[in-house]
Every structure is written in C-alpha cells, then in structure tokens.
N, C-alpha and C. Protein backbone atom coordinates (compact mmCIF):
# COMPACT_ATOMS: atom_id res chain seq x y z
N MET A 1 81.83 94.72 97.72
CA MET A 1 82.69 95.88 97.73
C MET A 1 83.82 95.78 96.72
N ASN A 2 83.93 94.68 96.05
CA ASN A 2 85.01 94.60 95.08
C ASN A 2 84.50 94.54 93.65
N ASN A 3 83.23 94.78 93.44
CA ASN A 3 82.65 94.66 92.11
C ASN A 3 82.12 95.99 91.62
N ASP A 4 82.89 96.65 90.77
CA ASP A 4 82.49 97.93 90.20
C ASP A 4 81.98 97.67 88.79
N PRO A 5 80.69 97.87 88.55
CA PRO A 5 80.12 97.55 87.23
C PRO A 5 80.60 98.45 86.11
N THR A 6 81.37 99.50 86.42
CA THR A 6 81.86 100.38 85.36
C THR A 6 83.27 100.01 84.90
N VAL A 7 83.93 99.10 85.59
CA VAL A 7 85.29 98.70 85.23
C VAL A 7 85.21 97.84 83.97
N PRO A 8 86.05 98.12 82.97
CA PRO A 8 86.00 97.33 81.73
C PRO A 8 86.23 95.84 81.98
N LEU A 9 85.36 95.01 81.43
CA LEU A 9 85.51 93.57 81.57
C LEU A 9 86.85 93.13 80.99
N GLY A 10 87.47 92.20 81.67
CA GLY A 10 88.76 91.69 81.23
C GLY A 10 89.94 92.38 81.89
N SER A 11 89.69 93.52 82.57
CA SER A 11 90.78 94.18 83.28
C SER A 11 91.02 93.46 84.61
N LYS A 12 92.06 93.84 85.32
CA LYS A 12 92.48 93.12 86.52
C LYS A 12 91.36 92.90 87.53
N HIS A 13 90.52 93.89 87.72
CA HIS A 13 89.48 93.80 88.75
C HIS A 13 88.08 93.66 88.15
N ALA A 14 87.99 93.04 87.00
CA ALA A 14 86.68 92.88 86.37
C ALA A 14 86.59 91.51 85.74
N GLY A 15 85.82 90.67 86.38
CA GLY A 15 85.62 89.33 85.85
C GLY A 15 84.16 88.95 85.96
N GLY A 16 83.92 87.71 86.29
CA GLY A 16 82.57 87.17 86.35
C GLY A 16 81.67 87.87 87.34
N GLN A 17 82.19 88.18 88.54
CA GLN A 17 81.35 88.85 89.54
C GLN A 17 80.97 90.25 89.08
N THR A 18 81.89 90.94 88.40
CA THR A 18 81.59 92.28 87.89
C THR A 18 80.45 92.21 86.88
N LYS A 19 80.53 91.26 85.97
CA LYS A 19 79.47 91.07 84.98
C LYS A 19 78.16 90.69 85.67
N TYR A 20 78.25 89.86 86.70
CA TYR A 20 77.07 89.46 87.47
C TYR A 20 76.39 90.69 88.08
N VAL A 21 77.16 91.56 88.72
CA VAL A 21 76.60 92.77 89.35
C VAL A 21 75.97 93.67 88.28
N LEU A 22 76.62 93.81 87.15
CA LEU A 22 76.09 94.64 86.07
C LEU A 22 74.77 94.08 85.54
N GLU A 23 74.73 92.79 85.27
CA GLU A 23 73.50 92.18 84.74
C GLU A 23 72.38 92.18 85.77
N LEU A 24 72.71 91.93 87.03
CA LEU A 24 71.70 91.99 88.09
C LEU A 24 71.12 93.39 88.19
N THR A 25 71.99 94.39 88.11
CA THR A 25 71.53 95.78 88.15
C THR A 25 70.57 96.06 87.00
N LYS A 26 70.92 95.63 85.80
CA LYS A 26 70.03 95.84 84.64
C LYS A 26 68.66 95.21 84.88
N ASN A 27 68.65 94.01 85.43
CA ASN A 27 67.38 93.33 85.67
C ASN A 27 66.57 94.01 86.77
N LEU A 28 67.22 94.48 87.81
CA LEU A 28 66.51 95.20 88.87
C LEU A 28 65.94 96.52 88.34
N LEU A 29 66.69 97.22 87.50
CA LEU A 29 66.19 98.45 86.89
C LEU A 29 64.98 98.16 86.01
N PHE A 30 65.05 97.09 85.24
CA PHE A 30 63.94 96.69 84.38
C PHE A 30 62.67 96.45 85.19
N GLN A 31 62.83 95.95 86.42
CA GLN A 31 61.68 95.68 87.28
C GLN A 31 61.22 96.92 88.06
N GLY A 32 61.88 98.06 87.83
CA GLY A 32 61.44 99.31 88.44
C GLY A 32 62.17 99.70 89.72
N HIS A 33 63.23 99.01 90.07
CA HIS A 33 63.99 99.32 91.28
C HIS A 33 65.09 100.34 90.98
N GLU A 34 65.52 101.04 92.02
CA GLU A 34 66.73 101.85 91.95
C GLU A 34 67.85 101.03 92.58
N VAL A 35 69.08 101.21 92.09
CA VAL A 35 70.20 100.40 92.57
C VAL A 35 71.37 101.32 92.89
N GLU A 36 71.97 101.07 94.04
CA GLU A 36 73.24 101.72 94.38
C GLU A 36 74.25 100.62 94.67
N VAL A 37 75.31 100.60 93.90
CA VAL A 37 76.40 99.65 94.10
C VAL A 37 77.47 100.35 94.92
N LEU A 38 77.83 99.75 96.04
CA LEU A 38 78.87 100.30 96.92
C LEU A 38 80.12 99.47 96.74
N THR A 39 81.24 100.11 96.44
CA THR A 39 82.45 99.36 96.13
C THR A 39 83.69 100.14 96.54
N ILE A 40 84.82 99.48 96.48
CA ILE A 40 86.09 100.13 96.75
C ILE A 40 86.59 100.72 95.44
N GLY A 41 87.01 101.98 95.49
CA GLY A 41 87.41 102.67 94.27
C GLY A 41 88.87 102.49 93.92
N HIS A 42 89.16 102.84 92.69
CA HIS A 42 90.52 102.83 92.17
C HIS A 42 90.94 104.27 91.88
N ARG A 43 92.22 104.52 91.96
CA ARG A 43 92.74 105.87 91.73
C ARG A 43 92.20 106.42 90.41
N GLY A 44 91.75 107.68 90.45
CA GLY A 44 91.28 108.36 89.24
C GLY A 44 89.79 108.24 88.99
N GLN A 45 89.10 107.40 89.74
CA GLN A 45 87.66 107.26 89.54
C GLN A 45 86.91 108.29 90.39
N PRO A 46 85.75 108.75 89.92
CA PRO A 46 84.94 109.65 90.75
C PRO A 46 84.34 108.87 91.92
N MET A 47 83.98 109.58 93.00
CA MET A 47 83.39 108.90 94.15
C MET A 47 82.00 108.36 93.81
N ARG A 48 81.25 109.10 93.04
CA ARG A 48 79.87 108.69 92.73
C ARG A 48 79.66 108.87 91.24
N GLU A 49 79.02 107.89 90.62
CA GLU A 49 78.84 107.94 89.18
C GLU A 49 77.55 107.21 88.80
N GLU A 50 76.70 107.89 88.04
CA GLU A 50 75.52 107.22 87.51
C GLU A 50 75.96 106.45 86.27
N PHE A 51 75.69 105.15 86.24
CA PHE A 51 76.12 104.35 85.09
C PHE A 51 74.95 103.84 84.27
N ALA A 52 73.75 104.11 84.74
CA ALA A 52 72.52 103.82 84.00
C ALA A 52 71.42 104.62 84.68
N PRO A 53 70.35 104.98 83.96
CA PRO A 53 69.27 105.71 84.63
C PRO A 53 68.73 104.90 85.81
N GLY A 54 68.82 105.47 87.02
CA GLY A 54 68.35 104.79 88.23
C GLY A 54 69.41 103.95 88.92
N ALA A 55 70.63 103.94 88.39
CA ALA A 55 71.70 103.13 88.99
C ALA A 55 72.97 103.97 89.17
N VAL A 56 73.50 103.96 90.38
CA VAL A 56 74.75 104.66 90.66
C VAL A 56 75.72 103.71 91.32
N VAL A 57 76.99 104.00 91.13
CA VAL A 57 78.04 103.31 91.86
C VAL A 57 78.67 104.37 92.76
N THR A 58 78.80 104.03 94.04
CA THR A 58 79.46 104.91 95.00
C THR A 58 80.72 104.19 95.45
N ARG A 59 81.84 104.89 95.30
CA ARG A 59 83.13 104.28 95.59
C ARG A 59 83.71 104.84 96.89
N PHE A 60 84.35 103.97 97.62
CA PHE A 60 85.02 104.33 98.86
C PHE A 60 86.49 103.98 98.68
N PHE A 61 87.36 104.94 98.96
CA PHE A 61 88.77 104.80 98.64
C PHE A 61 89.61 104.46 99.86
N ARG A 62 90.70 103.76 99.61
CA ARG A 62 91.65 103.44 100.68
C ARG A 62 92.24 104.74 101.22
N ASN A 63 92.57 104.76 102.49
CA ASN A 63 93.12 105.96 103.10
C ASN A 63 94.45 106.38 102.50
N ASP A 64 95.24 105.42 102.01
CA ASP A 64 96.53 105.75 101.43
C ASP A 64 96.44 106.22 99.98
N GLY A 65 95.23 106.25 99.43
CA GLY A 65 95.04 106.71 98.06
C GLY A 65 95.35 105.68 97.01
N GLU A 66 95.84 104.54 97.42
CA GLU A 66 96.18 103.48 96.46
C GLU A 66 94.90 102.81 95.95
N SER A 67 95.01 102.22 94.79
CA SER A 67 93.88 101.48 94.23
C SER A 67 93.66 100.20 95.02
N TYR A 68 92.42 99.74 95.02
CA TYR A 68 92.10 98.47 95.66
C TYR A 68 92.91 97.36 95.01
N ASP A 69 93.41 96.49 95.83
CA ASP A 69 94.05 95.28 95.35
C ASP A 69 93.76 94.21 96.38
N TYR A 70 94.14 93.00 96.09
CA TYR A 70 93.82 91.90 96.98
C TYR A 70 94.67 91.92 98.25
N ASP A 71 95.56 92.90 98.38
CA ASP A 71 96.39 93.01 99.57
C ASP A 71 95.76 93.87 100.66
N ILE A 72 94.52 94.26 100.50
CA ILE A 72 93.87 95.14 101.46
C ILE A 72 93.76 94.44 102.81
N SER A 73 94.06 95.19 103.87
CA SER A 73 94.08 94.61 105.20
C SER A 73 92.69 94.63 105.84
N GLN A 74 92.55 93.82 106.88
CA GLN A 74 91.27 93.77 107.61
C GLN A 74 90.95 95.13 108.22
N SER A 75 91.97 95.83 108.73
CA SER A 75 91.70 97.15 109.33
C SER A 75 91.24 98.14 108.26
N GLU A 76 91.79 98.05 107.04
CA GLU A 76 91.32 98.92 105.96
C GLU A 76 89.88 98.59 105.59
N LEU A 77 89.57 97.30 105.55
CA LEU A 77 88.19 96.90 105.24
C LEU A 77 87.23 97.42 106.31
N CYS A 78 87.63 97.38 107.57
CA CYS A 78 86.78 97.89 108.66
C CYS A 78 86.57 99.39 108.52
N ASP A 79 87.64 100.10 108.15
CA ASP A 79 87.53 101.55 107.97
C ASP A 79 86.57 101.87 106.82
N ILE A 80 86.71 101.16 105.72
CA ILE A 80 85.81 101.37 104.59
C ILE A 80 84.39 100.99 104.97
N ALA A 81 84.23 99.92 105.73
CA ALA A 81 82.89 99.52 106.20
C ALA A 81 82.27 100.63 107.03
N ASP A 82 83.05 101.27 107.91
CA ASP A 82 82.53 102.38 108.72
C ASP A 82 82.00 103.50 107.82
N ARG A 83 82.76 103.83 106.78
CA ARG A 83 82.34 104.91 105.88
C ARG A 83 81.11 104.51 105.06
N ILE A 84 81.02 103.25 104.67
CA ILE A 84 79.84 102.79 103.93
C ILE A 84 78.61 102.87 104.81
N ILE A 85 78.74 102.44 106.05
CA ILE A 85 77.60 102.48 106.98
C ILE A 85 77.16 103.92 107.21
N ALA A 86 78.10 104.83 107.39
CA ALA A 86 77.75 106.24 107.57
C ALA A 86 77.03 106.77 106.33
N HIS A 87 77.49 106.40 105.16
CA HIS A 87 76.86 106.84 103.91
C HIS A 87 75.43 106.32 103.79
N VAL A 88 75.25 105.03 104.00
CA VAL A 88 73.93 104.41 103.81
C VAL A 88 72.94 104.89 104.86
N THR A 89 73.37 105.00 106.10
CA THR A 89 72.43 105.42 107.15
C THR A 89 72.07 106.89 107.04
N ALA A 90 72.86 107.69 106.33
CA ALA A 90 72.54 109.11 106.13
C ALA A 90 71.55 109.32 104.98
N ARG A 91 71.34 108.29 104.17
CA ARG A 91 70.43 108.40 103.03
C ARG A 91 68.99 108.52 103.51
N GLU A 92 68.17 109.15 102.71
CA GLU A 92 66.75 109.24 103.04
C GLU A 92 65.96 108.08 102.44
N GLN A 93 66.53 107.42 101.43
CA GLN A 93 65.83 106.32 100.78
C GLN A 93 65.97 105.05 101.61
N PRO A 94 64.89 104.28 101.71
CA PRO A 94 64.99 103.01 102.43
C PRO A 94 65.80 101.99 101.63
N VAL A 95 66.36 101.04 102.33
CA VAL A 95 67.10 99.95 101.71
C VAL A 95 66.24 98.70 101.82
N ASP A 96 65.95 98.07 100.69
CA ASP A 96 65.11 96.88 100.67
C ASP A 96 65.91 95.61 100.88
N LEU A 97 67.14 95.59 100.39
CA LEU A 97 67.94 94.38 100.44
C LEU A 97 69.41 94.73 100.32
N ILE A 98 70.23 94.03 101.07
CA ILE A 98 71.68 94.12 100.92
C ILE A 98 72.12 92.83 100.23
N LEU A 99 72.79 92.97 99.11
CA LEU A 99 73.38 91.81 98.44
C LEU A 99 74.88 91.93 98.56
N CYS A 100 75.46 90.98 99.23
CA CYS A 100 76.90 90.94 99.47
C CYS A 100 77.51 89.98 98.46
N CYS A 101 78.39 90.50 97.61
CA CYS A 101 79.07 89.67 96.62
C CYS A 101 80.54 89.57 97.00
N TYR A 102 80.95 88.43 97.53
CA TYR A 102 82.34 88.16 97.89
C TYR A 102 82.57 88.46 99.37
N TRP A 103 83.48 87.76 99.96
CA TRP A 103 83.69 87.82 101.40
C TRP A 103 84.22 89.16 101.90
N VAL A 104 84.96 89.93 101.08
CA VAL A 104 85.50 91.20 101.57
C VAL A 104 84.39 92.20 101.90
N SER A 105 83.20 91.98 101.37
CA SER A 105 82.06 92.86 101.66
C SER A 105 81.36 92.48 102.95
N GLY A 106 81.79 91.42 103.57
CA GLY A 106 81.07 90.84 104.70
C GLY A 106 80.88 91.75 105.88
N ASP A 107 81.95 92.38 106.36
CA ASP A 107 81.85 93.21 107.57
C ASP A 107 80.84 94.32 107.38
N ALA A 108 80.95 95.03 106.27
CA ALA A 108 80.01 96.14 106.01
C ALA A 108 78.59 95.61 105.87
N SER A 109 78.42 94.50 105.18
CA SER A 109 77.08 93.96 104.95
C SER A 109 76.40 93.51 106.23
N VAL A 110 77.13 92.79 107.07
CA VAL A 110 76.56 92.30 108.33
C VAL A 110 76.20 93.47 109.24
N ARG A 111 77.08 94.45 109.30
CA ARG A 111 76.81 95.61 110.15
C ARG A 111 75.64 96.44 109.61
N LEU A 112 75.56 96.58 108.29
CA LEU A 112 74.42 97.31 107.71
C LEU A 112 73.11 96.58 107.97
N LYS A 113 73.12 95.27 107.86
CA LYS A 113 71.92 94.47 108.14
C LYS A 113 71.42 94.76 109.55
N ALA A 114 72.34 94.76 110.51
CA ALA A 114 71.96 95.03 111.90
C ALA A 114 71.47 96.47 112.08
N GLU A 115 72.15 97.41 111.45
CA GLU A 115 71.81 98.83 111.58
C GLU A 115 70.46 99.16 110.95
N LEU A 116 70.20 98.60 109.78
CA LEU A 116 69.00 98.95 109.02
C LEU A 116 67.83 98.00 109.24
N GLY A 117 68.13 96.80 109.76
CA GLY A 117 67.07 95.82 109.97
C GLY A 117 66.47 95.28 108.68
N CYS A 118 67.26 95.25 107.62
CA CYS A 118 66.75 94.73 106.36
C CYS A 118 67.44 93.42 106.03
N PRO A 119 66.84 92.63 105.15
CA PRO A 119 67.42 91.33 104.83
C PRO A 119 68.74 91.46 104.04
N MET A 120 69.55 90.41 104.16
CA MET A 120 70.83 90.36 103.47
C MET A 120 71.00 89.00 102.81
N ALA A 121 71.42 89.03 101.56
CA ALA A 121 71.77 87.81 100.84
C ALA A 121 73.25 87.89 100.49
N VAL A 122 73.87 86.74 100.36
CA VAL A 122 75.29 86.71 100.02
C VAL A 122 75.54 85.68 98.92
N THR A 123 76.46 86.01 98.03
CA THR A 123 76.97 85.06 97.06
C THR A 123 78.49 85.20 97.07
N PHE A 124 79.17 84.09 96.89
CA PHE A 124 80.63 84.09 96.95
C PHE A 124 81.19 83.88 95.54
N CYS A 125 82.30 84.50 95.27
CA CYS A 125 82.96 84.34 93.98
C CYS A 125 83.58 82.94 93.90
N GLN A 126 84.41 82.64 94.86
CA GLN A 126 85.00 81.31 95.00
C GLN A 126 85.27 81.11 96.48
N LEU A 127 84.82 80.01 97.01
CA LEU A 127 84.95 79.75 98.44
C LEU A 127 86.39 79.42 98.83
N ALA A 128 86.78 79.89 100.00
CA ALA A 128 88.10 79.55 100.54
C ALA A 128 88.25 78.04 100.68
N SER A 129 87.16 77.36 100.99
CA SER A 129 87.20 75.90 101.14
C SER A 129 87.69 75.23 99.85
N PHE A 130 87.27 75.75 98.70
CA PHE A 130 87.73 75.20 97.42
C PHE A 130 89.20 75.57 97.18
N LYS A 131 89.54 76.81 97.49
CA LYS A 131 90.91 77.27 97.26
C LYS A 131 91.91 76.53 98.16
N ARG A 132 91.48 76.21 99.40
CA ARG A 132 92.38 75.51 100.33
C ARG A 132 92.75 74.13 99.83
N LYS A 133 91.90 73.54 99.04
CA LYS A 133 92.20 72.21 98.51
C LYS A 133 93.30 72.25 97.46
N GLY A 134 93.52 73.42 96.84
CA GLY A 134 94.50 73.52 95.78
C GLY A 134 95.74 74.30 96.13
N GLU A 135 95.72 75.06 97.21
CA GLU A 135 96.88 75.86 97.57
C GLU A 135 96.98 76.01 99.08
N VAL A 136 98.18 76.25 99.54
CA VAL A 136 98.41 76.46 100.97
C VAL A 136 98.72 77.94 101.16
N ALA A 137 97.85 78.64 101.81
CA ALA A 137 98.04 80.06 102.07
C ALA A 137 97.44 80.37 103.44
N PRO A 138 98.22 80.96 104.34
CA PRO A 138 97.73 81.21 105.70
C PRO A 138 96.49 82.08 105.76
N GLU A 139 96.34 83.02 104.81
CA GLU A 139 95.19 83.92 104.86
C GLU A 139 93.87 83.21 104.56
N LEU A 140 93.94 82.01 103.98
CA LEU A 140 92.71 81.30 103.65
C LEU A 140 91.95 80.85 104.89
N ALA A 141 92.65 80.59 106.00
CA ALA A 141 91.95 80.20 107.23
C ALA A 141 91.08 81.36 107.73
N GLY A 142 91.63 82.57 107.72
CA GLY A 142 90.85 83.74 108.12
C GLY A 142 89.71 84.02 107.16
N ARG A 143 89.97 83.83 105.89
CA ARG A 143 88.92 84.02 104.90
C ARG A 143 87.81 82.99 105.10
N PHE A 144 88.17 81.74 105.35
CA PHE A 144 87.17 80.70 105.59
C PHE A 144 86.26 81.12 106.75
N GLN A 145 86.86 81.60 107.85
CA GLN A 145 86.08 82.02 109.02
C GLN A 145 85.16 83.18 108.67
N SER A 146 85.67 84.14 107.89
CA SER A 146 84.84 85.29 107.47
C SER A 146 83.66 84.82 106.62
N GLU A 147 83.94 83.90 105.70
CA GLU A 147 82.86 83.38 104.86
C GLU A 147 81.83 82.63 105.70
N GLN A 148 82.30 81.85 106.65
CA GLN A 148 81.39 81.09 107.51
C GLN A 148 80.51 82.04 108.33
N ASP A 149 81.12 83.05 108.94
CA ASP A 149 80.36 84.03 109.73
C ASP A 149 79.33 84.75 108.85
N LEU A 150 79.76 85.11 107.66
CA LEU A 150 78.88 85.82 106.73
C LEU A 150 77.70 84.94 106.32
N GLY A 151 77.97 83.69 106.01
CA GLY A 151 76.91 82.77 105.63
C GLY A 151 75.89 82.56 106.73
N HIS A 152 76.36 82.51 107.98
CA HIS A 152 75.44 82.33 109.11
C HIS A 152 74.62 83.59 109.37
N ALA A 153 75.21 84.76 109.13
CA ALA A 153 74.50 86.02 109.38
C ALA A 153 73.49 86.34 108.29
N ALA A 154 73.69 85.84 107.09
CA ALA A 154 72.82 86.15 105.96
C ALA A 154 71.44 85.50 106.12
N ASP A 155 70.46 86.15 105.53
CA ASP A 155 69.11 85.58 105.47
C ASP A 155 69.02 84.55 104.36
N ALA A 156 69.82 84.74 103.32
CA ALA A 156 69.85 83.81 102.19
C ALA A 156 71.27 83.74 101.66
N VAL A 157 71.67 82.53 101.27
CA VAL A 157 72.99 82.31 100.69
C VAL A 157 72.77 81.74 99.30
N ILE A 158 73.38 82.37 98.31
CA ILE A 158 73.22 81.92 96.93
C ILE A 158 74.41 81.06 96.55
N ALA A 159 74.12 79.82 96.20
CA ALA A 159 75.14 78.91 95.67
C ALA A 159 74.97 78.87 94.16
N THR A 160 76.09 78.81 93.45
CA THR A 160 76.00 78.85 91.98
C THR A 160 76.09 77.47 91.35
N ASN A 161 76.36 76.44 92.16
CA ASN A 161 76.38 75.08 91.64
C ASN A 161 76.16 74.11 92.80
N ALA A 162 75.90 72.86 92.48
CA ALA A 162 75.58 71.86 93.50
C ALA A 162 76.74 71.61 94.45
N ALA A 163 77.98 71.62 93.93
CA ALA A 163 79.15 71.40 94.79
C ALA A 163 79.28 72.53 95.81
N GLU A 164 79.02 73.75 95.40
CA GLU A 164 79.08 74.89 96.32
C GLU A 164 77.99 74.76 97.39
N ARG A 165 76.79 74.39 96.97
CA ARG A 165 75.69 74.21 97.93
C ARG A 165 76.06 73.16 98.98
N THR A 166 76.60 72.05 98.54
CA THR A 166 77.01 70.98 99.46
C THR A 166 78.10 71.46 100.40
N THR A 167 79.09 72.16 99.87
CA THR A 167 80.20 72.67 100.68
C THR A 167 79.71 73.68 101.70
N LEU A 168 78.81 74.57 101.31
CA LEU A 168 78.27 75.56 102.24
C LEU A 168 77.56 74.88 103.41
N ALA A 169 76.85 73.82 103.14
CA ALA A 169 76.14 73.10 104.20
C ALA A 169 77.09 72.25 105.04
N GLN A 170 77.95 71.48 104.39
CA GLN A 170 78.79 70.54 105.13
C GLN A 170 80.02 71.19 105.77
N ASP A 171 80.79 71.95 105.00
CA ASP A 171 82.03 72.53 105.53
C ASP A 171 81.78 73.78 106.36
N TYR A 172 80.79 74.58 105.97
CA TYR A 172 80.54 75.86 106.63
C TYR A 172 79.43 75.77 107.67
N GLY A 173 78.65 74.70 107.65
CA GLY A 173 77.59 74.51 108.63
C GLY A 173 76.40 75.43 108.44
N ILE A 174 76.17 75.89 107.24
CA ILE A 174 75.04 76.78 106.95
C ILE A 174 73.79 75.92 106.74
N ALA A 175 72.71 76.33 107.34
CA ALA A 175 71.44 75.58 107.26
C ALA A 175 71.05 75.43 105.79
N PRO A 176 70.80 74.20 105.36
CA PRO A 176 70.45 73.96 103.95
C PRO A 176 69.26 74.78 103.46
N GLU A 177 68.31 75.06 104.33
CA GLU A 177 67.13 75.83 103.89
C GLU A 177 67.46 77.29 103.57
N LYS A 178 68.62 77.78 104.02
CA LYS A 178 69.04 79.14 103.69
C LYS A 178 69.77 79.21 102.36
N ILE A 179 70.18 78.06 101.84
CA ILE A 179 71.00 78.02 100.63
C ILE A 179 70.11 77.86 99.41
N HIS A 180 70.24 78.78 98.46
CA HIS A 180 69.45 78.77 97.24
C HIS A 180 70.36 78.57 96.04
N LEU A 181 70.07 77.59 95.24
CA LEU A 181 70.88 77.29 94.06
C LEU A 181 70.41 78.13 92.88
N ILE A 182 71.26 79.04 92.44
CA ILE A 182 70.99 79.86 91.26
C ILE A 182 72.23 79.72 90.36
N PRO A 183 72.16 78.79 89.42
CA PRO A 183 73.33 78.54 88.57
C PRO A 183 73.71 79.76 87.74
N ARG A 184 74.99 79.92 87.54
CA ARG A 184 75.45 80.97 86.63
C ARG A 184 75.12 80.55 85.22
N GLY A 185 74.85 81.52 84.41
CA GLY A 185 74.52 81.24 83.02
C GLY A 185 75.42 82.04 82.10
N ILE A 186 75.19 81.90 80.85
CA ILE A 186 75.95 82.64 79.85
C ILE A 186 74.98 83.16 78.81
N ASP A 187 75.15 84.41 78.45
CA ASP A 187 74.34 85.03 77.42
C ASP A 187 75.04 84.81 76.08
N LEU A 188 74.52 83.91 75.29
CA LEU A 188 75.17 83.55 74.03
C LEU A 188 75.07 84.66 72.97
N THR A 189 74.25 85.69 73.24
CA THR A 189 74.23 86.83 72.33
C THR A 189 75.40 87.77 72.60
N VAL A 190 76.00 87.65 73.78
CA VAL A 190 77.15 88.49 74.14
C VAL A 190 78.45 87.69 74.02
N PHE A 191 78.45 86.46 74.50
CA PHE A 191 79.66 85.62 74.51
C PHE A 191 79.48 84.51 73.50
N HIS A 192 80.30 84.53 72.49
CA HIS A 192 80.24 83.50 71.46
C HIS A 192 81.60 83.38 70.81
N PRO A 193 81.85 82.25 70.12
CA PRO A 193 83.16 82.06 69.48
C PRO A 193 83.42 83.07 68.37
C-alpha cells in the first residue's frame, strides 16, 4: 500500500520498493497478466490511473485529505484496508495472487486473503528486527508484531538476502519452508556510473 509505481524515483515516497513494484508489473504484463496496484494516494493524484497497457494503480486516500506519510495511524490503515477490501470484492475479475510489499499493507492483505481465498506472498522493505538493532523507537515493537503476524499468515515470504531469511526464521518464527530467497538485483542498463 505504500508503493505507487507512478511516483518519480528519488522522491520522498519512491525508492527501491517502488522500482521493485514497477519492474515486477512489467514482467507480469510481459507474461500476459493484468495487474492492479493498490496503494495509498497523495494529494493531487487521480484515484485510478492506467500506467501501462493492462496495468492500473488504484489509490486510496486518507480521510483528512493529507498525503500519505510514515505518520499514518493504525486506525487510518484499517479504514483504508476496509475500502480496499470493498473495492476488490466488488470487482468481477478474479484475483490470482496478493503480493504484500511492506508491513503497512498487512491488514488489508491478510483480510483480502481470507475474503477471496487466494494465496498471498509478502516481501518486506526492511524488517523492524534490523531497525531495532540500530535505533530505539517504541513503534518498532508494534511493527515487529505486525510483520510477524503477516509472515505467519502468508503462503510465501520473500527474503531478499540470507540474513533476512535467517532473521525471518529465527526472530519471527516463520517456517523455513515458507521463506523463498529472491535476491534483489540491479539493471546495469538503467543504473550505471
């Protein structure tokens, strides 16, 4: 819910996960799939936008009209999750897979999985367990619990490196057979000195 593939890379809310969602979408389109990215919108953006043939981004906005920021509350996330679930369940197209990128998408993803009966995979941008080792922040305990619950509810958990895979199994208690190592890569035709 925090990765809008139309946001310019390098802006405040566009980093590695945004590029990941964009590239994944391109690859799914190439294989003949249709893709709908569900995300939290920023002021001035349209609710729904086709960003490639067969791919749309649907944005859900905060009730106060403010742009998404990392200060979003759990109750706001639940409200947005309710609206996402209503949107997806009203669609006529079947959903083959829910891919949850980042812990803030967890509530909506887990509830959609239960509602639709389809598989769900999750990948994390950076685990709270790693962040807790470098900083003291009270919200990290709640985030850790959300990540743990999300990992247990998912059918598959994508780790991007061996340390993450180990942490997901040891610190989060996720069954090792659910964890799939898919290292992040770099396209040297796009990123170069």
